[in-house]
C-alpha atoms as a PDB file:
ATOM      1  CA  UNK A   1       0.000   0.000   0.000  1.00  0.00           C
ATOM      2  CA  UNK A   2       1.357   3.360  -0.985  1.00  0.00           C
ATOM      3  CA  UNK A   3       1.329   6.121   1.612  1.00  0.00           C
ATOM      4  CA  UNK A   4      -0.893   8.223  -0.663  1.00  0.00           C
ATOM      5  CA  UNK A   5      -3.481   5.419  -0.640  1.00  0.00           C
ATOM      6  CA  UNK A   6      -3.354   5.242   3.160  1.00  0.00           C
ATOM      7  CA  UNK A   7      -3.895   8.992   3.335  1.00  0.00           C
ATOM      8  CA  UNK A   8      -6.865   8.760   0.952  1.00  0.00           C
ATOM      9  CA  UNK A   9      -8.428   5.918   2.975  1.00  0.00           C
ATOM     10  CA  UNK A  10      -8.284   8.110   6.087  1.00  0.00           C
ATOM     11  CA  UNK A  11     -10.439  10.692   4.280  1.00  0.00           C
ATOM     12  CA  UNK A  12     -13.241   8.202   3.619  1.00  0.00           C
ATOM     13  CA  UNK A  13     -16.416   8.764   5.648  1.00  0.00           C
ATOM     14  CA  UNK A  14     -18.877   5.907   6.048  1.00  0.00           C
ATOM     15  CA  UNK A  15     -22.499   6.686   6.902  1.00  0.00           C
ATOM     16  CA  UNK A  16     -24.014   5.346  10.151  1.00  0.00           C
ATOM     17  CA  UNK A  17     -24.005   2.649  11.379  1.00  0.00           C
ATOM     18  CA  UNK A  18     -20.917   1.855   9.277  1.00  0.00           C
ATOM     19  CA  UNK A  19     -19.113   4.998  10.449  1.00  0.00           C
ATOM     20  CA  UNK A  20     -17.346   2.892  13.075  1.00  0.00           C
ATOM     21  CA  UNK A  21     -15.158   1.676  10.184  1.00  0.00           C
ATOM     22  CA  UNK A  22     -13.837   5.169   9.425  1.00  0.00           C
ATOM     23  CA  UNK A  23     -10.211   5.824  10.339  1.00  0.00           C
ATOM     24  CA  UNK A  24      -8.824   8.814  12.188  1.00  0.00           C
ATOM     25  CA  UNK A  25      -6.976  11.665  10.497  1.00  0.00           C
ATOM     26  CA  UNK A  26      -3.953  10.542   8.461  1.00  0.00           C
ATOM     27  CA  UNK A  27      -1.480  12.778  10.316  1.00  0.00           C
ATOM     28  CA  UNK A  28      -2.562  11.214  13.618  1.00  0.00           C
ATOM     29  CA  UNK A  29      -2.408   7.650  12.229  1.00  0.00           C
ATOM     30  CA  UNK A  30       1.063   8.360  10.856  1.00  0.00           C
ATOM     31  CA  UNK A  31       2.376  10.100  14.000  1.00  0.00           C
ATOM     32  CA  UNK A  32       1.158   7.296  16.272  1.00  0.00           C
ATOM     33  CA  UNK A  33       2.053   4.586  13.714  1.00  0.00           C
ATOM     34  CA  UNK A  34      -1.432   3.095  14.021  1.00  0.00           C
ATOM     35  CA  UNK A  35      -2.337   0.317  11.590  1.00  0.00           C
ATOM     36  CA  UNK A  36      -1.250   1.386   8.077  1.00  0.00           C
ATOM     37  CA  UNK A  37       0.240   4.545   9.621  1.00  0.00           C
ATOM     38  CA  UNK A  38       3.123   2.249  10.607  1.00  0.00           C
ATOM     39  CA  UNK A  39       5.353   1.990   7.496  1.00  0.00           C
ATOM     40  CA  UNK A  40       6.515  -1.555   8.343  1.00  0.00           C
ATOM     41  CA  UNK A  41       2.987  -2.835   8.961  1.00  0.00           C
ATOM     42  CA  UNK A  42       1.740  -1.072   5.817  1.00  0.00           C
ATOM     43  CA  UNK A  43       4.460  -2.769   3.764  1.00  0.00           C
ATOM     44  CA  UNK A  44       4.079  -6.235   5.303  1.00  0.00           C
ATOM     45  CA  UNK A  45       0.320  -6.619   5.790  1.00  0.00           C
ATOM     46  CA  UNK A  46      -1.672  -3.982   3.908  1.00  0.00           C
ATOM     47  CA  UNK A  47      -2.468  -3.761   0.242  1.00  0.00           C
ATOM     48  CA  UNK A  48      -4.382  -1.332  -1.899  1.00  0.00           C
ATOM     49  CA  UNK A  49      -7.098  -2.794  -4.098  1.00  0.00           C
ATOM     50  CA  UNK A  50      -7.128  -0.984  -7.429  1.00  0.00           C
ATOM     51  CA  UNK A  51      -9.462  -1.123 -10.397  1.00  0.00           C
ATOM     52  CA  UNK A  52      -8.102  -1.955 -13.847  1.00  0.00           C
ATOM     53  CA  UNK A  53      -7.722   1.793 -14.424  1.00  0.00           C
ATOM     54  CA  UNK A  54      -5.700   2.261 -11.219  1.00  0.00           C
ATOM     55  CA  UNK A  55      -8.471   3.822  -9.133  1.00  0.00           C
ATOM     56  CA  UNK A  56      -8.372   3.017  -5.405  1.00  0.00           C
ATOM     57  CA  UNK A  57     -11.338   0.713  -4.735  1.00  0.00           C
ATOM     58  CA  UNK A  58     -10.402  -0.287  -1.205  1.00  0.00           C
ATOM     59  CA  UNK A  59      -7.807  -1.971   0.927  1.00  0.00           C
ATOM     60  CA  UNK A  60      -7.090  -5.209   2.696  1.00  0.00           C
ATOM     61  CA  UNK A  61      -4.969  -6.372   5.561  1.00  0.00           C
ATOM     62  CA  UNK A  62      -3.637  -9.901   5.383  1.00  0.00           C
ATOM     63  CA  UNK A  63      -2.531 -10.801   8.890  1.00  0.00           C
ATOM     64  CA  UNK A  64      -0.645 -14.109   9.015  1.00  0.00           C
ATOM     65  CA  UNK A  65      -1.175 -16.258  12.091  1.00  0.00           C
ATOM     66  CA  UNK A  66      -0.361 -19.918  12.747  1.00  0.00           C
ATOM     67  CA  UNK A  67      -1.749 -21.675   9.616  1.00  0.00           C
ATOM     68  CA  UNK A  68      -4.359 -18.921   9.178  1.00  0.00           C
ATOM     69  CA  UNK A  69      -4.468 -15.679   7.229  1.00  0.00           C
ATOM     70  CA  UNK A  70      -6.910 -13.261   8.865  1.00  0.00           C
ATOM     71  CA  UNK A  71      -8.350 -10.631   6.563  1.00  0.00           C
ATOM     72  CA  UNK A  72      -9.355  -7.076   7.244  1.00  0.00           C
ATOM     73  CA  UNK A  73     -11.255  -5.581   4.316  1.00  0.00           C
ATOM     74  CA  UNK A  74     -12.430  -2.076   3.515  1.00  0.00           C
ATOM     75  CA  UNK A  75     -14.155  -0.840   0.373  1.00  0.00           C
ATOM     76  CA  UNK A  76     -14.545   2.775  -0.675  1.00  0.00           C
ATOM     77  CA  UNK A  77     -17.739   3.967   1.028  1.00  0.00           C
ATOM     78  CA  UNK A  78     -19.378   5.242  -2.168  1.00  0.00           C
ATOM     79  CA  UNK A  79     -18.953   1.760  -3.692  1.00  0.00           C
ATOM     80  CA  UNK A  80     -20.560  -0.087  -0.757  1.00  0.00           C
ATOM     81  CA  UNK A  81     -24.009  -1.496  -1.443  1.00  0.00           C
ATOM     82  CA  UNK A  82     -23.460  -1.407  -5.233  1.00  0.00           C
ATOM     83  CA  UNK A  83     -23.063  -5.171  -5.780  1.00  0.00           C
ATOM     84  CA  UNK A  84     -19.257  -5.013  -6.083  1.00  0.00           C
ATOM     85  CA  UNK A  85     -18.435  -6.737  -2.796  1.00  0.00           C
ATOM     86  CA  UNK A  86     -18.306 -10.370  -3.920  1.00  0.00           C
ATOM     87  CA  UNK A  87     -15.636  -9.851  -6.587  1.00  0.00           C
ATOM     88  CA  UNK A  88     -13.755  -7.449  -4.297  1.00  0.00           C
ATOM     89  CA  UNK A  89     -13.627  -9.989  -1.451  1.00  0.00           C
ATOM     90  CA  UNK A  90     -12.748 -12.863  -3.805  1.00  0.00           C
ATOM     91  CA  UNK A  91      -9.831 -10.874  -5.196  1.00  0.00           C
ATOM     92  CA  UNK A  92      -8.508 -10.296  -1.671  1.00  0.00           C
ATOM     93  CA  UNK A  93      -8.909 -14.007  -0.834  1.00  0.00           C
ATOM     94  CA  UNK A  94      -7.060 -14.881  -4.042  1.00  0.00           C
ATOM     95  CA  UNK A  95      -4.146 -12.675  -2.992  1.00  0.00           C
ATOM     96  CA  UNK A  96      -4.116 -14.124   0.543  1.00  0.00           C
ATOM     97  CA  UNK A  97      -3.974 -17.654  -0.873  1.00  0.00           C
ATOM     98  CA  UNK A  98      -1.234 -16.635  -3.308  1.00  0.00           C
ATOM     99  CA  UNK A  99       0.861 -15.308  -0.416  1.00  0.00           C
ATOM    100  CA  UNK A 100       0.056 -18.130   2.016  1.00  0.00           C
ATOM    101  CA  UNK A 101      -1.176 -21.085  -0.076  1.00  0.00           C
ATOM    102  CA  UNK A 102      -1.457 -23.522   2.819  1.00  0.00           C
ATOM    103  CA  UNK A 103      -3.246 -21.180   5.219  1.00  0.00           C
ATOM    104  CA  UNK A 104      -6.921 -21.200   6.054  1.00  0.00           C
ATOM    105  CA  UNK A 105      -8.419 -17.762   5.331  1.00  0.00           C
ATOM    106  CA  UNK A 106     -10.768 -16.180   7.842  1.00  0.00           C
ATOM    107  CA  UNK A 107     -12.129 -12.847   8.954  1.00  0.00           C
ATOM    108  CA  UNK A 108     -14.111 -11.323  11.787  1.00  0.00           C
ATOM    109  CA  UNK A 109     -17.327  -9.368  11.280  1.00  0.00           C
ATOM    110  CA  UNK A 110     -19.669  -7.672  13.729  1.00  0.00           C
ATOM    111  CA  UNK A 111     -22.820  -9.775  14.019  1.00  0.00           C
ATOM    112  CA  UNK A 112     -25.091  -6.797  13.227  1.00  0.00           C
ATOM    113  CA  UNK A 113     -23.354  -6.120   9.879  1.00  0.00           C
ATOM    114  CA  UNK A 114     -25.752  -8.176   7.757  1.00  0.00           C
ATOM    115  CA  UNK A 115     -24.688  -6.467   4.512  1.00  0.00           C
ATOM    116  CA  UNK A 116     -21.070  -7.563   4.974  1.00  0.00           C
ATOM    117  CA  UNK A 117     -22.090 -11.043   6.157  1.00  0.00           C
ATOM    118  CA  UNK A 118     -24.172 -11.601   2.999  1.00  0.00           C
ATOM    119  CA  UNK A 119     -21.262 -10.427   0.843  1.00  0.00           C
ATOM    120  CA  UNK A 120     -18.790 -12.707   2.613  1.00  0.00           C
ATOM    121  CA  UNK A 121     -21.164 -15.665   2.247  1.00  0.00           C
ATOM    122  CA  UNK A 122     -21.542 -14.985  -1.492  1.00  0.00           C
ATOM    123  CA  UNK A 123     -17.738 -14.903  -1.743  1.00  0.00           C
ATOM    124  CA  UNK A 124     -17.407 -18.341  -0.105  1.00  0.00           C
ATOM    125  CA  UNK A 125     -17.154 -17.660   3.643  1.00  0.00           C
ATOM    126  CA  UNK A 126     -19.151 -19.521   6.288  1.00  0.00           C
ATOM    127  CA  UNK A 127     -19.796 -18.563   9.920  1.00  0.00           C
ATOM    128  CA  UNK A 128     -17.858 -20.918  12.182  1.00  0.00           C
ATOM    129  CA  UNK A 129     -17.896 -19.164  15.558  1.00  0.00           C
ATOM    130  CA  UNK A 130     -19.463 -16.323  17.527  1.00  0.00           C
ATOM    131  CA  UNK A 131     -17.812 -14.512  20.437  1.00  0.00           C
ATOM    132  CA  UNK A 132     -17.547 -11.221  22.267  1.00  0.00           C
ATOM    133  CA  UNK A 133     -14.437  -9.092  22.120  1.00  0.00           C
ATOM    134  CA  UNK A 134     -13.412  -5.631  23.221  1.00  0.00           C
ATOM    135  CA  UNK A 135     -13.566  -2.767  20.727  1.00  0.00           C
ATOM    136  CA  UNK A 136     -13.033   0.987  21.202  1.00  0.00           C
ATOM    137  CA  UNK A 137     -16.832   1.168  21.722  1.00  0.00           C
ATOM    138  CA  UNK A 138     -16.829  -1.603  24.380  1.00  0.00           C
ATOM    139  CA  UNK A 139     -17.613  -5.319  24.168  1.00  0.00           C
ATOM    140  CA  UNK A 140     -19.195  -6.341  20.852  1.00  0.00           C
ATOM    141  CA  UNK A 141     -20.415  -9.603  19.322  1.00  0.00           C
ATOM    142  CA  UNK A 142     -18.461 -10.969  16.332  1.00  0.00           C
ATOM    143  CA  UNK A 143     -18.677 -13.872  13.948  1.00  0.00           C
ATOM    144  CA  UNK A 144     -15.578 -15.630  12.719  1.00  0.00           C
ATOM    145  CA  UNK A 145     -16.090 -16.582   9.089  1.00  0.00           C
ATOM    146  CA  UNK A 146     -13.861 -19.073   7.270  1.00  0.00           C
ATOM    147  CA  UNK A 147     -13.364 -19.241   3.514  1.00  0.00           C
ATOM    148  CA  UNK A 148     -14.304 -22.524   1.853  1.00  0.00           C
ATOM    149  CA  UNK A 149     -12.757 -22.968  -1.574  1.00  0.00           C
ATOM    150  CA  UNK A 150     -15.529 -23.779  -4.005  1.00  0.00           C
ATOM    151  CA  UNK A 151     -15.333 -23.758  -7.795  1.00  0.00           C
ATOM    152  CA  UNK A 152     -18.515 -21.663  -8.002  1.00  0.00           C
ATOM    153  CA  UNK A 153     -16.626 -18.683  -6.567  1.00  0.00           C
ATOM    154  CA  UNK A 154     -14.706 -17.145  -9.465  1.00  0.00           C
ATOM    155  CA  UNK A 155     -12.227 -14.273  -9.064  1.00  0.00           C
ATOM    156  CA  UNK A 156     -12.057 -11.110 -11.149  1.00  0.00           C
ATOM    157  CA  UNK A 157      -8.718  -9.507 -11.915  1.00  0.00           C
ATOM    158  CA  UNK A 158      -7.916  -6.617  -9.580  1.00  0.00           C
ATOM    159  CA  UNK A 159      -4.458  -5.104  -9.113  1.00  0.00           C
ATOM    160  CA  UNK A 160      -2.701  -4.718  -5.756  1.00  0.00           C
ATOM    161  CA  UNK A 161       0.013  -2.384  -4.494  1.00  0.00           C
END
């Protein structure tokens, strides 16, 4: 992920209730080295998802754990709800499997986020667990969803940086 992409992502504003996914100001993220504000973490775990024309469509974090790649996914807010999520998520999964071919791929999603859950299911994920964990807003309920490779889930070509 290029620093300019990280800066652009920090300017994105999601409408409620999805506004909890908005990041803080870029200068603060950079100064505190939070998430992709940390140059090492940005280089090792984050990638920009670009359209064929090079437009920033979103980002992903691929966090390697023991035999698992955990995904964090964010799409440009004005593209959310437009039917683009399945191919977006499948492209990120494809990249995670390219980087870590023998890892299981999973992600966490807030249980109330039905729009994201439907998208993840269409992309080949299945709910495998539910648990509470601490967030900046307090304890929240999450699903863990695991990707199941299935030939019916094709991947579109999207570029990464």
